[in-house]
Amino acid sequence: AAKDIDGLRSTLSRNLRPASLDTTKLDQCLEQLSTAHKPR
């Protein structure tokens, strides 16, 4: 069971990729929120 857990842990750590944000899309989203958002 300990070997199985270690194997799963290593498999999971290999398949994880760091998340990256596209700054241009983030800026566009913030701009739309500030201009297109109207009070309800």
PDB file of all heavy atoms in Angstrom:
ATOM      1  N   ALA A   1       0.838  -1.208   0.000  1.00  0.00           N
ATOM      2  CA  ALA A   1       0.000   0.000   0.000  1.00  0.00           C
ATOM      3  C   ALA A   1       0.870   1.254   0.000  1.00  0.00           C
ATOM      4  O   ALA A   1       0.568   2.226  -0.703  1.00  0.00           O
ATOM      5  CB  ALA A   1      -0.923  -0.009   1.202  1.00  0.00           C
ATOM      6  N   ALA A   2       1.956   1.241   0.761  1.00  0.00           N
ATOM      7  CA  ALA A   2       2.868   2.400   0.786  1.00  0.00           C
ATOM      8  C   ALA A   2       3.500   2.606  -0.588  1.00  0.00           C
ATOM      9  O   ALA A   2       3.643   3.744  -1.054  1.00  0.00           O
ATOM     10  CB  ALA A   2       3.933   2.202   1.849  1.00  0.00           C
ATOM     11  N   LYS A   3       3.874   1.512  -1.266  1.00  0.00           N
ATOM     12  CA  LYS A   3       4.447   1.629  -2.617  1.00  0.00           C
ATOM     13  C   LYS A   3       3.420   2.179  -3.597  1.00  0.00           C
ATOM     14  O   LYS A   3       3.744   3.014  -4.452  1.00  0.00           O
ATOM     15  CB  LYS A   3       4.936   0.259  -3.104  1.00  0.00           C
ATOM     16  CG  LYS A   3       6.207  -0.222  -2.448  1.00  0.00           C
ATOM     17  CD  LYS A   3       6.600  -1.591  -2.990  1.00  0.00           C
ATOM     18  CE  LYS A   3       7.760  -2.171  -2.239  1.00  0.00           C
ATOM     19  NZ  LYS A   3       8.105  -3.529  -2.680  1.00  0.00           N
ATOM     20  N   ASP A   4       2.188   1.709  -3.483  1.00  0.00           N
ATOM     21  CA  ASP A   4       1.119   2.210  -4.361  1.00  0.00           C
ATOM     22  C   ASP A   4       0.892   3.707  -4.160  1.00  0.00           C
ATOM     23  O   ASP A   4       0.709   4.456  -5.124  1.00  0.00           O
ATOM     24  CB  ASP A   4      -0.176   1.447  -4.122  1.00  0.00           C
ATOM     25  CG  ASP A   4      -0.095  -0.007  -4.583  1.00  0.00           C
ATOM     26  OD1 ASP A   4       0.817  -0.331  -5.387  1.00  0.00           O
ATOM     27  OD2 ASP A   4      -0.948  -0.810  -4.142  1.00  0.00           O
ATOM     28  N   ILE A   5       0.904   4.133  -2.918  1.00  0.00           N
ATOM     29  CA  ILE A   5       0.709   5.559  -2.624  1.00  0.00           C
ATOM     30  C   ILE A   5       1.850   6.377  -3.206  1.00  0.00           C
ATOM     31  O   ILE A   5       1.626   7.439  -3.811  1.00  0.00           O
ATOM     32  CB  ILE A   5       0.574   5.782  -1.097  1.00  0.00           C
ATOM     33  CG1 ILE A   5      -0.765   5.219  -0.614  1.00  0.00           C
ATOM     34  CG2 ILE A   5       0.687   7.262  -0.745  1.00  0.00           C
ATOM     35  CD1 ILE A   5      -0.916   5.208   0.884  1.00  0.00           C
ATOM     36  N   ASP A   6       3.078   5.915  -3.042  1.00  0.00           N
ATOM     37  CA  ASP A   6       4.231   6.635  -3.618  1.00  0.00           C
ATOM     38  C   ASP A   6       4.138   6.698  -5.135  1.00  0.00           C
ATOM     39  O   ASP A   6       4.448   7.723  -5.742  1.00  0.00           O
ATOM     40  CB  ASP A   6       5.543   5.974  -3.191  1.00  0.00           C
ATOM     41  CG  ASP A   6       5.865   6.211  -1.729  1.00  0.00           C
ATOM     42  OD1 ASP A   6       5.347   7.209  -1.163  1.00  0.00           O
ATOM     43  OD2 ASP A   6       6.624   5.404  -1.147  1.00  0.00           O
ATOM     44  N   GLY A   7       3.705   5.607  -5.764  1.00  0.00           N
ATOM     45  CA  GLY A   7       3.551   5.594  -7.219  1.00  0.00           C
ATOM     46  C   GLY A   7       2.501   6.591  -7.677  1.00  0.00           C
ATOM     47  O   GLY A   7       2.704   7.314  -8.659  1.00  0.00           O
ATOM     48  N   LEU A   8       1.373   6.629  -6.998  1.00  0.00           N
ATOM     49  CA  LEU A   8       0.330   7.598  -7.338  1.00  0.00           C
ATOM     50  C   LEU A   8       0.811   9.029  -7.140  1.00  0.00           C
ATOM     51  O   LEU A   8       0.534   9.909  -7.959  1.00  0.00           O
ATOM     52  CB  LEU A   8      -0.918   7.346  -6.496  1.00  0.00           C
ATOM     53  CG  LEU A   8      -1.734   6.096  -6.834  1.00  0.00           C
ATOM     54  CD1 LEU A   8      -2.823   5.883  -5.805  1.00  0.00           C
ATOM     55  CD2 LEU A   8      -2.334   6.221  -8.222  1.00  0.00           C
ATOM     56  N   ARG A   9       1.546   9.251  -6.059  1.00  0.00           N
ATOM     57  CA  ARG A   9       2.053  10.591  -5.783  1.00  0.00           C
ATOM     58  C   ARG A   9       2.999  11.050  -6.891  1.00  0.00           C
ATOM     59  O   ARG A   9       2.929  12.185  -7.362  1.00  0.00           O
ATOM     60  CB  ARG A   9       2.759  10.614  -4.430  1.00  0.00           C
ATOM     61  CG  ARG A   9       3.183  12.006  -4.003  1.00  0.00           C
ATOM     62  CD  ARG A   9       3.872  12.016  -2.656  1.00  0.00           C
ATOM     63  NE  ARG A   9       2.959  11.548  -1.624  1.00  0.00           N
ATOM     64  CZ  ARG A   9       3.327  10.785  -0.596  1.00  0.00           C
ATOM     65  NH1 ARG A   9       4.571  10.404  -0.462  1.00  0.00           N
ATOM     66  NH2 ARG A   9       2.446  10.416   0.297  1.00  0.00           N
ATOM     67  N   SER A  10       3.882  10.171  -7.327  1.00  0.00           N
ATOM     68  CA  SER A  10       4.833  10.558  -8.385  1.00  0.00           C
ATOM     69  C   SER A  10       4.105  10.771  -9.715  1.00  0.00           C
ATOM     70  O   SER A  10       4.447  11.686 -10.472  1.00  0.00           O
ATOM     71  CB  SER A  10       5.934   9.508  -8.527  1.00  0.00           C
ATOM     72  OG  SER A  10       5.373   8.288  -8.982  1.00  0.00           O
ATOM     73  N   THR A  11       3.100   9.946  -9.998  1.00  0.00           N
ATOM     74  CA  THR A  11       2.322  10.124 -11.236  1.00  0.00           C
ATOM     75  C   THR A  11       1.596  11.459 -11.231  1.00  0.00           C
ATOM     76  O   THR A  11       1.593  12.182 -12.237  1.00  0.00           O
ATOM     77  CB  THR A  11       1.308   8.978 -11.394  1.00  0.00           C
ATOM     78  OG1 THR A  11       1.993   7.733 -11.375  1.00  0.00           O
ATOM     79  CG2 THR A  11       0.533   9.111 -12.687  1.00  0.00           C
ATOM     80  N   LEU A  12       0.992  11.791 -10.129  1.00  0.00           N
ATOM     81  CA  LEU A  12       0.285  13.064 -10.027  1.00  0.00           C
ATOM     82  C   LEU A  12       1.236  14.247 -10.140  1.00  0.00           C
ATOM     83  O   LEU A  12       0.927  15.243 -10.789  1.00  0.00           O
ATOM     84  CB  LEU A  12      -0.494  13.148  -8.714  1.00  0.00           C
ATOM     85  CG  LEU A  12      -1.756  12.300  -8.617  1.00  0.00           C
ATOM     86  CD1 LEU A  12      -2.337  12.378  -7.226  1.00  0.00           C
ATOM     87  CD2 LEU A  12      -2.772  12.741  -9.648  1.00  0.00           C
ATOM     88  N   SER A  13       2.394  14.152  -9.536  1.00  0.00           N
ATOM     89  CA  SER A  13       3.316  15.289  -9.577  1.00  0.00           C
ATOM     90  C   SER A  13       3.892  15.486 -10.981  1.00  0.00           C
ATOM     91  O   SER A  13       4.221  16.601 -11.369  1.00  0.00           O
ATOM     92  CB  SER A  13       4.435  15.098  -8.550  1.00  0.00           C
ATOM     93  OG  SER A  13       5.230  13.980  -8.891  1.00  0.00           O
ATOM     94  N   ARG A  14       4.011  14.426 -11.761  1.00  0.00           N
ATOM     95  CA  ARG A  14       4.519  14.567 -13.132  1.00  0.00           C
ATOM     96  C   ARG A  14       3.481  15.198 -14.054  1.00  0.00           C
ATOM     97  O   ARG A  14       3.829  15.905 -14.991  1.00  0.00           O
ATOM     98  CB  ARG A  14       4.917  13.193 -13.697  1.00  0.00           C
ATOM     99  CG  ARG A  14       6.312  12.756 -13.270  1.00  0.00           C
ATOM    100  CD  ARG A  14       6.680  11.451 -13.917  1.00  0.00           C
ATOM    101  NE  ARG A  14       5.952  10.423 -13.132  1.00  0.00           N
ATOM    102  CZ  ARG A  14       5.512   9.285 -13.605  1.00  0.00           C
ATOM    103  NH1 ARG A  14       5.683   8.968 -14.835  1.00  0.00           N
ATOM    104  NH2 ARG A  14       4.883   8.432 -12.842  1.00  0.00           N
ATOM    105  N   ASN A  15       2.194  14.940 -13.809  1.00  0.00           N
ATOM    106  CA  ASN A  15       1.147  15.403 -14.715  1.00  0.00           C
ATOM    107  C   ASN A  15       0.670  16.826 -14.416  1.00  0.00           C
ATOM    108  O   ASN A  15      -0.106  17.372 -15.183  1.00  0.00           O
ATOM    109  CB  ASN A  15      -0.059  14.465 -14.656  1.00  0.00           C
ATOM    110  CG  ASN A  15       0.253  13.126 -15.302  1.00  0.00           C
ATOM    111  OD1 ASN A  15       1.162  13.036 -16.126  1.00  0.00           O
ATOM    112  ND2 ASN A  15      -0.472  12.098 -14.915  1.00  0.00           N
ATOM    113  N   LEU A  16       1.133  17.412 -13.337  1.00  0.00           N
ATOM    114  CA  LEU A  16       0.709  18.769 -13.004  1.00  0.00           C
ATOM    115  C   LEU A  16       1.547  19.782 -13.778  1.00  0.00           C
ATOM    116  O   LEU A  16       2.767  19.695 -13.825  1.00  0.00           O
ATOM    117  CB  LEU A  16       0.848  19.029 -11.505  1.00  0.00           C
ATOM    118  CG  LEU A  16      -0.088  18.229 -10.613  1.00  0.00           C
ATOM    119  CD1 LEU A  16       0.183  18.553  -9.161  1.00  0.00           C
ATOM    120  CD2 LEU A  16      -1.525  18.549 -10.932  1.00  0.00           C
ATOM    121  N   ARG A  17       0.877  20.753 -14.358  1.00  0.00           N
ATOM    122  CA  ARG A  17       1.567  21.833 -15.062  1.00  0.00           C
ATOM    123  C   ARG A  17       1.237  23.134 -14.356  1.00  0.00           C
ATOM    124  O   ARG A  17       0.106  23.339 -13.918  1.00  0.00           O
ATOM    125  CB  ARG A  17       1.091  21.900 -16.511  1.00  0.00           C
ATOM    126  CG  ARG A  17       1.481  20.672 -17.289  1.00  0.00           C
ATOM    127  CD  ARG A  17       1.200  20.863 -18.756  1.00  0.00           C
ATOM    128  NE  ARG A  17       1.629  19.684 -19.471  1.00  0.00           N
ATOM    129  CZ  ARG A  17       0.863  18.967 -20.254  1.00  0.00           C
ATOM    130  NH1 ARG A  17      -0.379  19.320 -20.450  1.00  0.00           N
ATOM    131  NH2 ARG A  17       1.330  17.905 -20.861  1.00  0.00           N
ATOM    132  N   PRO A  18       2.190  24.029 -14.275  1.00  0.00           N
ATOM    133  CA  PRO A  18       1.891  25.296 -13.615  1.00  0.00           C
ATOM    134  C   PRO A  18       0.887  26.105 -14.449  1.00  0.00           C
ATOM    135  O   PRO A  18       0.950  26.117 -15.666  1.00  0.00           O
ATOM    136  CB  PRO A  18       3.249  25.999 -13.533  1.00  0.00           C
ATOM    137  CG  PRO A  18       4.091  25.346 -14.572  1.00  0.00           C
ATOM    138  CD  PRO A  18       3.574  23.940 -14.727  1.00  0.00           C
ATOM    139  N   ALA A  19      -0.005  26.749 -13.760  1.00  0.00           N
ATOM    140  CA  ALA A  19      -1.005  27.565 -14.449  1.00  0.00           C
ATOM    141  C   ALA A  19      -0.384  28.893 -14.863  1.00  0.00           C
ATOM    142  O   ALA A  19       0.383  29.496 -14.130  1.00  0.00           O
ATOM    143  CB  ALA A  19      -2.191  27.809 -13.516  1.00  0.00           C
ATOM    144  N   SER A  20      -0.692  29.315 -16.085  1.00  0.00           N
ATOM    145  CA  SER A  20      -0.170  30.600 -16.557  1.00  0.00           C
ATOM    146  C   SER A  20      -1.340  31.440 -17.043  1.00  0.00           C
ATOM    147  O   SER A  20      -2.297  30.932 -17.616  1.00  0.00           O
ATOM    148  CB  SER A  20       0.840  30.386 -17.688  1.00  0.00           C
ATOM    149  OG  SER A  20       0.222  29.746 -18.775  1.00  0.00           O
ATOM    150  N   LEU A  21      -1.266  32.743 -16.803  1.00  0.00           N
ATOM    151  CA  LEU A  21      -2.315  33.661 -17.210  1.00  0.00           C
ATOM    152  C   LEU A  21      -1.806  34.514 -18.365  1.00  0.00           C
ATOM    153  O   LEU A  21      -0.665  34.993 -18.342  1.00  0.00           O
ATOM    154  CB  LEU A  21      -2.711  34.571 -16.050  1.00  0.00           C
ATOM    155  CG  LEU A  21      -3.373  33.879 -14.865  1.00  0.00           C
ATOM    156  CD1 LEU A  21      -3.610  34.891 -13.751  1.00  0.00           C
ATOM    157  CD2 LEU A  21      -4.680  33.250 -15.270  1.00  0.00           C
ATOM    158  N   ASP A  22      -2.648  34.697 -19.339  1.00  0.00           N
ATOM    159  CA  ASP A  22      -2.331  35.574 -20.457  1.00  0.00           C
ATOM    160  C   ASP A  22      -2.640  36.998 -20.006  1.00  0.00           C
ATOM    161  O   ASP A  22      -3.805  37.341 -19.765  1.00  0.00           O
ATOM    162  CB  ASP A  22      -3.162  35.176 -21.682  1.00  0.00           C
ATOM    163  CG  ASP A  22      -2.756  35.946 -22.911  1.00  0.00           C
ATOM    164  OD1 ASP A  22      -1.750  36.683 -22.855  1.00  0.00           O
ATOM    165  OD2 ASP A  22      -3.457  35.814 -23.934  1.00  0.00           O
ATOM    166  N   THR A  23      -1.629  37.832 -19.883  1.00  0.00           N
ATOM    167  CA  THR A  23      -1.822  39.179 -19.343  1.00  0.00           C
ATOM    168  C   THR A  23      -2.681  40.041 -20.262  1.00  0.00           C
ATOM    169  O   THR A  23      -3.427  40.889 -19.780  1.00  0.00           O
ATOM    170  CB  THR A  23      -0.469  39.866 -19.100  1.00  0.00           C
ATOM    171  OG1 THR A  23       0.272  39.871 -20.312  1.00  0.00           O
ATOM    172  CG2 THR A  23       0.312  39.143 -18.031  1.00  0.00           C
ATOM    173  N   THR A  24      -2.593  39.835 -21.583  1.00  0.00           N
ATOM    174  CA  THR A  24      -3.411  40.660 -22.480  1.00  0.00           C
ATOM    175  C   THR A  24      -4.898  40.344 -22.293  1.00  0.00           C
ATOM    176  O   THR A  24      -5.724  41.252 -22.251  1.00  0.00           O
ATOM    177  CB  THR A  24      -3.012  40.432 -23.946  1.00  0.00           C
ATOM    178  OG1 THR A  24      -3.151  39.043 -24.256  1.00  0.00           O
ATOM    179  CG2 THR A  24      -1.579  40.877 -24.194  1.00  0.00           C
ATOM    180  N   LYS A  25      -5.233  39.061 -22.141  1.00  0.00           N
ATOM    181  CA  LYS A  25      -6.631  38.686 -21.922  1.00  0.00           C
ATOM    182  C   LYS A  25      -7.111  39.192 -20.564  1.00  0.00           C
ATOM    183  O   LYS A  25      -8.255  39.621 -20.432  1.00  0.00           O
ATOM    184  CB  LYS A  25      -6.813  37.179 -22.029  1.00  0.00           C
ATOM    185  CG  LYS A  25      -6.695  36.671 -23.443  1.00  0.00           C
ATOM    186  CD  LYS A  25      -7.045  35.226 -23.545  1.00  0.00           C
ATOM    187  CE  LYS A  25      -6.910  34.777 -25.016  1.00  0.00           C
ATOM    188  NZ  LYS A  25      -7.313  33.403 -25.182  1.00  0.00           N
ATOM    189  N   LEU A  26      -6.236  39.147 -19.586  1.00  0.00           N
ATOM    190  CA  LEU A  26      -6.591  39.651 -18.270  1.00  0.00           C
ATOM    191  C   LEU A  26      -6.867  41.160 -18.325  1.00  0.00           C
ATOM    192  O   LEU A  26      -7.845  41.646 -17.745  1.00  0.00           O
ATOM    193  CB  LEU A  26      -5.474  39.350 -17.269  1.00  0.00           C
ATOM    194  CG  LEU A  26      -5.721  39.746 -15.825  1.00  0.00           C
ATOM    195  CD1 LEU A  26      -6.922  39.020 -15.261  1.00  0.00           C
ATOM    196  CD2 LEU A  26      -4.492  39.481 -14.996  1.00  0.00           C
ATOM    197  N   ASP A  27      -6.039  41.908 -19.046  1.00  0.00           N
ATOM    198  CA  ASP A  27      -6.251  43.354 -19.194  1.00  0.00           C
ATOM    199  C   ASP A  27      -7.552  43.643 -19.934  1.00  0.00           C
ATOM    200  O   ASP A  27      -8.293  44.565 -19.574  1.00  0.00           O
ATOM    201  CB  ASP A  27      -5.067  43.998 -19.935  1.00  0.00           C
ATOM    202  CG  ASP A  27      -3.801  44.005 -19.084  1.00  0.00           C
ATOM    203  OD1 ASP A  27      -3.930  43.937 -17.838  1.00  0.00           O
ATOM    204  OD2 ASP A  27      -2.697  44.078 -19.660  1.00  0.00           O
ATOM    205  N   GLN A  28      -7.844  42.858 -20.995  1.00  0.00           N
ATOM    206  CA  GLN A  28      -9.100  43.045 -21.731  1.00  0.00           C
ATOM    207  C   GLN A  28     -10.308  42.797 -20.827  1.00  0.00           C
ATOM    208  O   GLN A  28     -11.288  43.540 -20.871  1.00  0.00           O
ATOM    209  CB  GLN A  28      -9.160  42.098 -22.938  1.00  0.00           C
ATOM    210  CG  GLN A  28      -8.242  42.472 -24.078  1.00  0.00           C
ATOM    211  CD  GLN A  28      -8.277  41.412 -25.180  1.00  0.00           C
ATOM    212  OE1 GLN A  28      -8.894  40.371 -25.024  1.00  0.00           O
ATOM    213  NE2 GLN A  28      -7.585  41.708 -26.281  1.00  0.00           N
ATOM    214  N   CYS A  29     -10.221  41.782 -20.015  1.00  0.00           N
ATOM    215  CA  CYS A  29     -11.318  41.454 -19.107  1.00  0.00           C
ATOM    216  C   CYS A  29     -11.533  42.592 -18.106  1.00  0.00           C
ATOM    217  O   CYS A  29     -12.666  42.998 -17.844  1.00  0.00           O
ATOM    218  CB  CYS A  29     -11.011  40.148 -18.382  1.00  0.00           C
ATOM    219  SG  CYS A  29     -12.302  39.648 -17.239  1.00  0.00           S
ATOM    220  N   LEU A  30     -10.457  43.105 -17.541  1.00  0.00           N
ATOM    221  CA  LEU A  30     -10.578  44.212 -16.592  1.00  0.00           C
ATOM    222  C   LEU A  30     -11.154  45.455 -17.260  1.00  0.00           C
ATOM    223  O   LEU A  30     -11.970  46.171 -16.668  1.00  0.00           O
ATOM    224  CB  LEU A  30      -9.211  44.525 -15.976  1.00  0.00           C
ATOM    225  CG  LEU A  30      -8.676  43.488 -14.987  1.00  0.00           C
ATOM    226  CD1 LEU A  30      -7.259  43.839 -14.563  1.00  0.00           C
ATOM    227  CD2 LEU A  30      -9.580  43.393 -13.778  1.00  0.00           C
ATOM    228  N   GLU A  31     -10.761  45.709 -18.497  1.00  0.00           N
ATOM    229  CA  GLU A  31     -11.279  46.868 -19.225  1.00  0.00           C
ATOM    230  C   GLU A  31     -12.781  46.714 -19.478  1.00  0.00           C
ATOM    231  O   GLU A  31     -13.556  47.654 -19.313  1.00  0.00           O
ATOM    232  CB  GLU A  31     -10.532  47.028 -20.555  1.00  0.00           C
ATOM    233  CG  GLU A  31     -10.971  48.229 -21.366  1.00  0.00           C
ATOM    234  CD  GLU A  31     -10.214  48.310 -22.693  1.00  0.00           C
ATOM    235  OE1 GLU A  31      -9.038  47.950 -22.732  1.00  0.00           O
ATOM    236  OE2 GLU A  31     -10.857  48.724 -23.667  1.00  0.00           O
ATOM    237  N   GLN A  32     -13.202  45.517 -19.880  1.00  0.00           N
ATOM    238  CA  GLN A  32     -14.620  45.284 -20.114  1.00  0.00           C
ATOM    239  C   GLN A  32     -15.424  45.429 -18.816  1.00  0.00           C
ATOM    240  O   GLN A  32     -16.537  45.959 -18.831  1.00  0.00           O
ATOM    241  CB  GLN A  32     -14.843  43.895 -20.709  1.00  0.00           C
ATOM    242  CG  GLN A  32     -14.435  43.794 -22.157  1.00  0.00           C
ATOM    243  CD  GLN A  32     -14.636  42.376 -22.691  1.00  0.00           C
ATOM    244  OE1 GLN A  32     -15.045  41.486 -21.955  1.00  0.00           O
ATOM    245  NE2 GLN A  32     -14.351  42.187 -23.966  1.00  0.00           N
ATOM    246  N   LEU A  33     -14.861  44.975 -17.722  1.00  0.00           N
ATOM    247  CA  LEU A  33     -15.562  45.118 -16.457  1.00  0.00           C
ATOM    248  C   LEU A  33     -15.734  46.584 -16.078  1.00  0.00           C
ATOM    249  O   LEU A  33     -16.780  46.990 -15.577  1.00  0.00           O
ATOM    250  CB  LEU A  33     -14.803  44.397 -15.338  1.00  0.00           C
ATOM    251  CG  LEU A  33     -15.000  42.897 -15.250  1.00  0.00           C
ATOM    252  CD1 LEU A  33     -14.105  42.311 -14.175  1.00  0.00           C
ATOM    253  CD2 LEU A  33     -16.447  42.560 -14.950  1.00  0.00           C
ATOM    254  N   SER A  34     -14.713  47.390 -16.340  1.00  0.00           N
ATOM    255  CA  SER A  34     -14.805  48.792 -15.945  1.00  0.00           C
ATOM    256  C   SER A  34     -15.676  49.614 -16.892  1.00  0.00           C
ATOM    257  O   SER A  34     -16.310  50.576 -16.472  1.00  0.00           O
ATOM    258  CB  SER A  34     -13.409  49.405 -15.852  1.00  0.00           C
ATOM    259  OG  SER A  34     -12.795  49.389 -17.125  1.00  0.00           O
ATOM    260  N   THR A  35     -15.763  49.250 -18.184  1.00  0.00           N
ATOM    261  CA  THR A  35     -16.538  50.060 -19.130  1.00  0.00           C
ATOM    262  C   THR A  35     -17.923  49.494 -19.411  1.00  0.00           C
ATOM    263  O   THR A  35     -18.887  50.247 -19.488  1.00  0.00           O
ATOM    264  CB  THR A  35     -15.778  50.197 -20.467  1.00  0.00           C
ATOM    265  OG1 THR A  35     -15.553  48.899 -20.995  1.00  0.00           O
ATOM    266  CG2 THR A  35     -14.466  50.935 -20.271  1.00  0.00           C
ATOM    267  N   ALA A  36     -18.036  48.201 -19.574  1.00  0.00           N
ATOM    268  CA  ALA A  36     -19.310  47.611 -19.995  1.00  0.00           C
ATOM    269  C   ALA A  36     -20.236  47.302 -18.823  1.00  0.00           C
ATOM    270  O   ALA A  36     -21.418  47.080 -19.013  1.00  0.00           O
ATOM    271  CB  ALA A  36     -19.054  46.329 -20.790  1.00  0.00           C
ATOM    272  N   HIS A  37     -19.714  47.302 -17.629  1.00  0.00           N
ATOM    273  CA  HIS A  37     -20.556  46.968 -16.473  1.00  0.00           C
ATOM    274  C   HIS A  37     -21.410  48.170 -16.109  1.00  0.00           C
ATOM    275  O   HIS A  37     -20.925  49.243 -15.811  1.00  0.00           O
ATOM    276  CB  HIS A  37     -19.671  46.571 -15.285  1.00  0.00           C
ATOM    277  CG  HIS A  37     -20.458  46.195 -14.087  1.00  0.00           C
ATOM    278  ND1 HIS A  37     -21.176  45.030 -13.996  1.00  0.00           N
ATOM    279  CD2 HIS A  37     -20.659  46.845 -12.918  1.00  0.00           C
ATOM    280  CE1 HIS A  37     -21.779  44.980 -12.837  1.00  0.00           C
ATOM    281  NE2 HIS A  37     -21.477  46.065 -12.157  1.00  0.00           N
ATOM    282  N   LYS A  38     -22.711  47.977 -16.142  1.00  0.00           N
ATOM    283  CA  LYS A  38     -23.650  49.045 -15.810  1.00  0.00           C
ATOM    284  C   LYS A  38     -24.437  48.643 -14.571  1.00  0.00           C
ATOM    285  O   LYS A  38     -24.718  47.466 -14.364  1.00  0.00           O
ATOM    286  CB  LYS A  38     -24.604  49.282 -16.978  1.00  0.00           C
ATOM    287  CG  LYS A  38     -23.877  49.759 -18.217  1.00  0.00           C
ATOM    288  CD  LYS A  38     -24.821  49.922 -19.378  1.00  0.00           C
ATOM    289  CE  LYS A  38     -24.017  50.361 -20.598  1.00  0.00           C
ATOM    290  NZ  LYS A  38     -24.699  50.165 -21.825  1.00  0.00           N
ATOM    291  N   PRO A  39     -24.782  49.616 -13.757  1.00  0.00           N
ATOM    292  CA  PRO A  39     -25.571  49.272 -12.565  1.00  0.00           C
ATOM    293  C   PRO A  39     -26.910  48.665 -12.965  1.00  0.00           C
ATOM    294  O   PRO A  39     -27.494  49.030 -13.970  1.00  0.00           O
ATOM    295  CB  PRO A  39     -25.764  50.603 -11.837  1.00  0.00           C
ATOM    296  CG  PRO A  39     -25.079  51.637 -12.649  1.00  0.00           C
ATOM    297  CD  PRO A  39     -24.474  51.010 -13.852  1.00  0.00           C
ATOM    298  N   ARG A  40     -27.356  47.777 -12.171  1.00  0.00           N
ATOM    299  CA  ARG A  40     -28.609  47.098 -12.484  1.00  0.00           C
ATOM    300  C   ARG A  40     -29.780  47.958 -12.051  1.00  0.00           C
ATOM    301  O   ARG A  40     -29.820  48.475 -10.936  1.00  0.00           O
ATOM    302  CB  ARG A  40     -28.644  45.757 -11.766  1.00  0.00           C
ATOM    303  CG  ARG A  40     -27.559  44.850 -12.276  1.00  0.00           C
ATOM    304  CD  ARG A  40     -27.682  43.483 -11.663  1.00  0.00           C
ATOM    305  NE  ARG A  40     -26.686  42.649 -12.264  1.00  0.00           N
ATOM    306  CZ  ARG A  40     -25.783  41.969 -11.586  1.00  0.00           C
ATOM    307  NH1 ARG A  40     -25.757  42.027 -10.292  1.00  0.00           N
ATOM    308  NH2 ARG A  40     -24.910  41.224 -12.207  1.00  0.00           N
TER     309      ARG A  40
END
